[in-house]
Protein backbone atom coordinates (compact mmCIF):
# COMPACT_ATOMS: atom_id res chain seq x y z
CA MET A 1 114.98 -177.37 -122.18
CA THR A 2 115.08 -179.63 -119.22
CA LEU A 3 112.53 -177.88 -117.25
CA PHE A 4 110.10 -178.25 -120.29
CA LYS A 5 110.94 -182.01 -120.60
CA ARG A 6 110.18 -182.59 -116.99
CA ILE A 7 106.81 -180.70 -117.22
CA LEU A 8 105.88 -182.59 -120.16
CA ALA A 9 106.85 -185.99 -118.53
CA ILE A 10 104.79 -184.92 -115.40
CA VAL A 11 101.63 -184.12 -117.65
CA ILE A 12 102.03 -187.18 -119.66
CA SER A 13 102.43 -189.38 -116.49
CA ILE A 14 99.38 -187.77 -114.99
CA SER A 15 97.26 -188.19 -118.08
CA LEU A 16 98.30 -191.84 -118.41
CA THR A 17 97.27 -192.68 -114.85
CA GLY A 18 93.78 -191.11 -115.66
CA LEU A 19 93.26 -193.62 -118.21
CA PRO A 20 90.96 -196.50 -117.30
CA LEU A 21 92.72 -199.76 -117.56
CA VAL A 22 90.31 -202.16 -119.56
CA GLY A 23 91.61 -205.48 -120.48
CA ALA A 24 90.83 -207.25 -123.67
CA GLN A 25 88.27 -209.86 -123.38
CA ALA A 26 88.42 -212.90 -125.48
CA ALA A 27 86.01 -215.63 -125.72
CA ILE A 28 85.86 -219.04 -127.53
CA ILE A 29 83.18 -219.14 -130.30
CA SER A 30 81.54 -222.57 -130.28
CA ASN A 31 80.71 -224.47 -133.40
CA GLN A 32 77.22 -224.21 -132.62
CA GLN A 33 77.26 -220.59 -132.66
CA ILE A 34 78.86 -220.54 -136.04
CA ILE A 35 76.22 -223.07 -137.32
CA ASN A 36 73.30 -220.86 -135.91
CA LYS A 37 74.77 -217.82 -137.66
CA ALA A 38 75.19 -219.62 -141.07
CA SER A 39 71.70 -221.04 -140.41
CA GLN A 40 70.16 -217.73 -139.79
CA ALA A 41 71.60 -216.24 -142.95
CA ASN A 42 70.49 -219.16 -144.92
CA ASP A 43 66.98 -219.10 -143.70
CA LYS A 44 66.58 -215.32 -144.38
CA GLN A 45 68.09 -215.89 -147.93
CA ALA A 46 65.69 -218.70 -148.61
CA LEU A 47 62.79 -216.45 -147.66
CA LEU A 48 64.07 -213.61 -149.73
CA ARG A 49 64.25 -216.09 -152.75
CA THR A 50 60.56 -217.00 -152.30
CA ILE A 51 59.59 -213.38 -152.03
CA ASN A 52 61.72 -212.75 -155.45
CA ARG A 53 59.66 -215.27 -157.41
CA GLN A 54 57.84 -213.64 -160.13
CA ASP A 55 54.35 -215.31 -159.12
CA VAL A 56 54.60 -214.28 -155.37
CA GLN A 57 55.55 -210.71 -156.33
CA GLN A 58 52.41 -210.56 -158.69
CA LYS A 59 50.27 -211.98 -155.96
CA LEU A 60 51.64 -209.27 -153.46
CA LEU A 61 51.17 -206.52 -156.02
CA SER A 62 47.54 -207.76 -156.52
CA MET A 63 46.96 -207.60 -152.76
CA GLY A 64 48.32 -203.88 -152.73
CA VAL A 65 51.68 -204.80 -151.05
CA ASN A 66 54.88 -203.34 -152.23
CA PRO A 67 57.56 -206.30 -152.38
CA ALA A 68 60.21 -203.96 -151.41
CA ASP A 69 58.29 -203.19 -148.20
CA ILE A 70 58.19 -207.05 -147.62
CA LYS A 71 61.87 -207.51 -148.12
CA GLY A 72 62.64 -204.48 -145.72
CA ARG A 73 60.43 -206.23 -143.19
CA ILE A 74 61.98 -209.65 -143.70
CA ASN A 75 65.52 -207.93 -142.95
CA GLN A 76 64.08 -206.81 -139.71
CA MET A 77 62.43 -210.05 -138.62
CA THR A 78 64.16 -212.16 -135.83
CA HIS A 79 65.58 -215.51 -136.53
CA GLU A 80 62.64 -217.22 -134.96
CA GLU A 81 60.00 -215.37 -137.12
CA VAL A 82 62.20 -216.37 -140.25
CA ALA A 83 62.53 -219.83 -139.21
CA GLN A 84 58.85 -220.38 -138.50
CA LEU A 85 57.85 -218.70 -141.89
CA ASN A 86 60.46 -221.00 -143.60
CA GLN A 87 58.94 -224.01 -141.87
CA HIS A 88 55.58 -223.19 -143.08
CA ILE A 89 56.55 -222.79 -146.58
CA ASN A 90 58.70 -225.98 -146.57
CA GLU A 91 55.31 -227.81 -145.44
CA LEU A 92 53.45 -226.51 -148.38
CA PRO A 93 53.12 -229.18 -151.19
CA ALA A 94 56.31 -229.27 -153.59
CA GLY A 95 55.51 -226.70 -156.54
CA GLY A 96 52.27 -226.22 -154.86
CA ASP A 97 50.36 -223.45 -153.08
CA VAL A 98 52.53 -220.32 -153.03
CA LEU A 99 49.30 -218.40 -152.32
CA GLY A 100 49.31 -219.83 -148.82
CA ALA A 101 52.90 -218.68 -148.28
CA VAL A 102 51.74 -215.17 -149.50
CA VAL A 103 48.76 -215.00 -147.46
CA LEU A 104 50.86 -216.12 -144.35
CA VAL A 105 53.38 -213.39 -145.03
CA PHE A 106 50.64 -210.97 -145.60
CA LEU A 107 49.09 -212.02 -142.20
CA VAL A 108 52.26 -211.49 -140.29
CA PHE A 109 52.71 -208.13 -141.51
CA VAL A 110 49.19 -207.23 -140.74
CA ILE A 111 49.67 -208.35 -137.16
CA THR A 112 52.78 -206.72 -136.73
CA ASP A 113 51.23 -203.54 -138.10
CA VAL A 114 48.36 -203.78 -135.84
CA ILE A 115 50.62 -204.15 -132.69
CA GLY A 116 52.76 -201.21 -133.87
CA ALA A 117 56.00 -203.11 -134.43
CA THR A 118 56.04 -202.22 -138.24
CA ASP A 119 54.45 -199.74 -140.54
CA VAL A 120 54.17 -201.64 -143.83
CA PHE A 121 50.54 -200.74 -144.65
CA PRO A 122 49.46 -197.21 -144.34
CA PHE A 123 45.93 -198.11 -144.11
CA ILE A 124 46.44 -199.90 -140.77
CA HIS A 125 46.45 -198.11 -137.64
CA PRO A 126 48.39 -199.64 -134.64
CA VAL A 127 46.64 -200.18 -131.44
CA HIS A 128 48.05 -198.01 -128.76
């Protein structure tokens, strides 16, 4: 049995020397990074709440847009796009023009469809 143990020890030693030695990397997460992540999540949730409003969904359906497609696209939007859209919605008069927000959302999706970034509307053909 000692020959078997020696061969096993040699095989294990050789296999261990072949493993790459990668050290763990630790980084400090700043408060600003935590705040930015929370802000991104809040901005996206605020936009989704707007889309979930009954009057907004009725307007989208009247324009031939499936609200589920819009929600999917919102989940794919960058933080900058979401923040810009929320800023525009917040600039609207209180309790006022939801139609403006709906038209803005619609235009954003049309433009992203035209450039080929999304495929929300089947009737729009992207520019190649």
